[in-house]
Amino acid sequence: MSRLVELEGTKPRKLEPSDVDPEKGNVAICQCGLSASFPFCDGSHRRTRDEEPGVCYRYEGGERRRVEAVRCVEDPTGESEQ
């Protein structure tokens, strides 16, 4: 299984003491790219439990769709476009 994840961040985020939940005491960093509170995990990865091996998925607007192909095209300025 694979997942198409598009992120707009351009720099790392440093965790601050205020990021630690006083009740839970731990911080989980999102590794699936689906969290609404990215870079922190909010449990969104649970939606991926029934993904099929060998299939690429895109999650958008709360829905999961199979991705048939990912194509990158060079534009006239030399930048990559998806």
C-alpha atoms as a PDB file:
ATOM      1  CA  MET A   1       0.000   0.000   0.000  1.00  0.00           C
ATOM      2  CA  SER A   2       1.110   3.543  -0.601  1.00  0.00           C
ATOM      3  CA  ARG A   3      -0.467   6.899  -0.004  1.00  0.00           C
ATOM      4  CA  LEU A   4      -0.233  10.132  -1.960  1.00  0.00           C
ATOM      5  CA  VAL A   5       0.481  12.824   0.630  1.00  0.00           C
ATOM      6  CA  GLU A   6       0.768  16.469  -0.309  1.00  0.00           C
ATOM      7  CA  LEU A   7       2.250  18.808   2.301  1.00  0.00           C
ATOM      8  CA  GLU A   8       2.739  22.544   2.111  1.00  0.00           C
ATOM      9  CA  GLY A   9       5.169  22.988   5.003  1.00  0.00           C
ATOM     10  CA  THR A  10       8.578  24.343   4.109  1.00  0.00           C
ATOM     11  CA  LYS A  11      10.426  23.934   7.380  1.00  0.00           C
ATOM     12  CA  PRO A  12      10.526  21.689  10.422  1.00  0.00           C
ATOM     13  CA  ARG A  13       8.453  22.440  13.474  1.00  0.00           C
ATOM     14  CA  LYS A  14      10.167  22.483  16.811  1.00  0.00           C
ATOM     15  CA  LEU A  15       8.151  20.971  19.637  1.00  0.00           C
ATOM     16  CA  GLU A  16       7.573  23.284  22.565  1.00  0.00           C
ATOM     17  CA  PRO A  17       6.799  22.311  26.171  1.00  0.00           C
ATOM     18  CA  SER A  18       3.229  23.528  25.573  1.00  0.00           C
ATOM     19  CA  ASP A  19       2.852  20.786  22.919  1.00  0.00           C
ATOM     20  CA  VAL A  20       2.890  18.109  25.621  1.00  0.00           C
ATOM     21  CA  ASP A  21      -0.571  17.188  26.883  1.00  0.00           C
ATOM     22  CA  PRO A  22      -0.459  17.466  30.691  1.00  0.00           C
ATOM     23  CA  GLU A  23      -2.938  14.591  31.073  1.00  0.00           C
ATOM     24  CA  LYS A  24      -1.444  12.202  28.512  1.00  0.00           C
ATOM     25  CA  GLY A  25       2.147  13.352  28.938  1.00  0.00           C
ATOM     26  CA  ASN A  26       3.229  12.213  25.506  1.00  0.00           C
ATOM     27  CA  VAL A  27       3.447  13.631  22.010  1.00  0.00           C
ATOM     28  CA  ALA A  28       2.852  11.522  18.912  1.00  0.00           C
ATOM     29  CA  ILE A  29       4.124  12.781  15.562  1.00  0.00           C
ATOM     30  CA  CYS A  30       2.034  11.961  12.484  1.00  0.00           C
ATOM     31  CA  GLN A  31       3.713   9.589  10.043  1.00  0.00           C
ATOM     32  CA  CYS A  32       0.751   8.967   7.721  1.00  0.00           C
ATOM     33  CA  GLY A  33       0.227  12.584   6.590  1.00  0.00           C
ATOM     34  CA  LEU A  34      -3.517  12.515   7.270  1.00  0.00           C
ATOM     35  CA  SER A  35      -3.704  14.269  10.645  1.00  0.00           C
ATOM     36  CA  ALA A  36      -5.813  17.423  10.856  1.00  0.00           C
ATOM     37  CA  SER A  37      -3.400  18.617  13.550  1.00  0.00           C
ATOM     38  CA  PHE A  38      -0.234  17.776  11.577  1.00  0.00           C
ATOM     39  CA  PRO A  39       2.567  17.368  12.587  1.00  0.00           C
ATOM     40  CA  PHE A  40       0.822  15.839  15.595  1.00  0.00           C
ATOM     41  CA  CYS A  41      -1.043  12.546  15.393  1.00  0.00           C
ATOM     42  CA  ASP A  42      -4.807  12.779  15.866  1.00  0.00           C
ATOM     43  CA  GLY A  43      -5.615   9.128  15.169  1.00  0.00           C
ATOM     44  CA  SER A  44      -6.436   9.651  11.481  1.00  0.00           C
ATOM     45  CA  HIS A  45      -4.147   6.730  10.612  1.00  0.00           C
ATOM     46  CA  ARG A  46      -6.923   4.405  11.767  1.00  0.00           C
ATOM     47  CA  ARG A  47      -8.648   5.085   8.418  1.00  0.00           C
ATOM     48  CA  THR A  48      -5.751   3.280   6.689  1.00  0.00           C
ATOM     49  CA  ARG A  49      -6.206  -0.085   8.444  1.00  0.00           C
ATOM     50  CA  ASP A  50      -8.015  -1.713   5.530  1.00  0.00           C
ATOM     51  CA  GLU A  51      -5.805  -0.390   2.719  1.00  0.00           C
ATOM     52  CA  GLU A  52      -4.869  -3.103   0.244  1.00  0.00           C
ATOM     53  CA  PRO A  53      -1.212  -3.962  -0.438  1.00  0.00           C
ATOM     54  CA  GLY A  54       0.017  -2.709  -3.818  1.00  0.00           C
ATOM     55  CA  VAL A  55      -2.657   0.006  -4.088  1.00  0.00           C
ATOM     56  CA  CYS A  56      -1.939   3.749  -3.918  1.00  0.00           C
ATOM     57  CA  TYR A  57      -4.560   5.887  -2.185  1.00  0.00           C
ATOM     58  CA  ARG A  58      -5.379   9.580  -1.981  1.00  0.00           C
ATOM     59  CA  TYR A  59      -7.342  10.944   0.962  1.00  0.00           C
ATOM     60  CA  GLU A  60      -9.208  14.142   0.208  1.00  0.00           C
ATOM     61  CA  GLY A  61     -12.185  15.777   1.880  1.00  0.00           C
ATOM     62  CA  GLY A  62     -12.565  12.844   4.251  1.00  0.00           C
ATOM     63  CA  GLU A  63     -12.823  10.354   1.380  1.00  0.00           C
ATOM     64  CA  ARG A  64     -10.368   7.708   0.214  1.00  0.00           C
ATOM     65  CA  ARG A  65      -9.829   7.150  -3.491  1.00  0.00           C
ATOM     66  CA  ARG A  66      -7.609   4.743  -5.380  1.00  0.00           C
ATOM     67  CA  VAL A  67      -4.893   6.398  -7.441  1.00  0.00           C
ATOM     68  CA  GLU A  68      -4.434   4.781 -10.832  1.00  0.00           C
ATOM     69  CA  ALA A  69      -1.343   6.762 -11.819  1.00  0.00           C
ATOM     70  CA  VAL A  70       0.782   9.669 -10.648  1.00  0.00           C
ATOM     71  CA  ARG A  71       2.217  11.732 -13.461  1.00  0.00           C
ATOM     72  CA  CYS A  72       4.712  14.584 -13.202  1.00  0.00           C
ATOM     73  CA  VAL A  73       5.028  16.949 -16.144  1.00  0.00           C
ATOM     74  CA  GLU A  74       7.718  19.546 -16.736  1.00  0.00           C
ATOM     75  CA  ASP A  75       6.237  22.967 -17.388  1.00  0.00           C
ATOM     76  CA  PRO A  76       7.905  25.559 -19.681  1.00  0.00           C
ATOM     77  CA  THR A  77       9.599  27.270 -16.708  1.00  0.00           C
ATOM     78  CA  GLY A  78      11.401  24.036 -15.810  1.00  0.00           C
ATOM     79  CA  GLU A  79       9.367  23.505 -12.628  1.00  0.00           C
ATOM     80  CA  SER A  80       7.609  20.202 -11.992  1.00  0.00           C
ATOM     81  CA  GLU A  81       3.836  20.171 -12.105  1.00  0.00           C
ATOM     82  CA  GLN A  82       1.546  17.393 -10.872  1.00  0.00           C
END
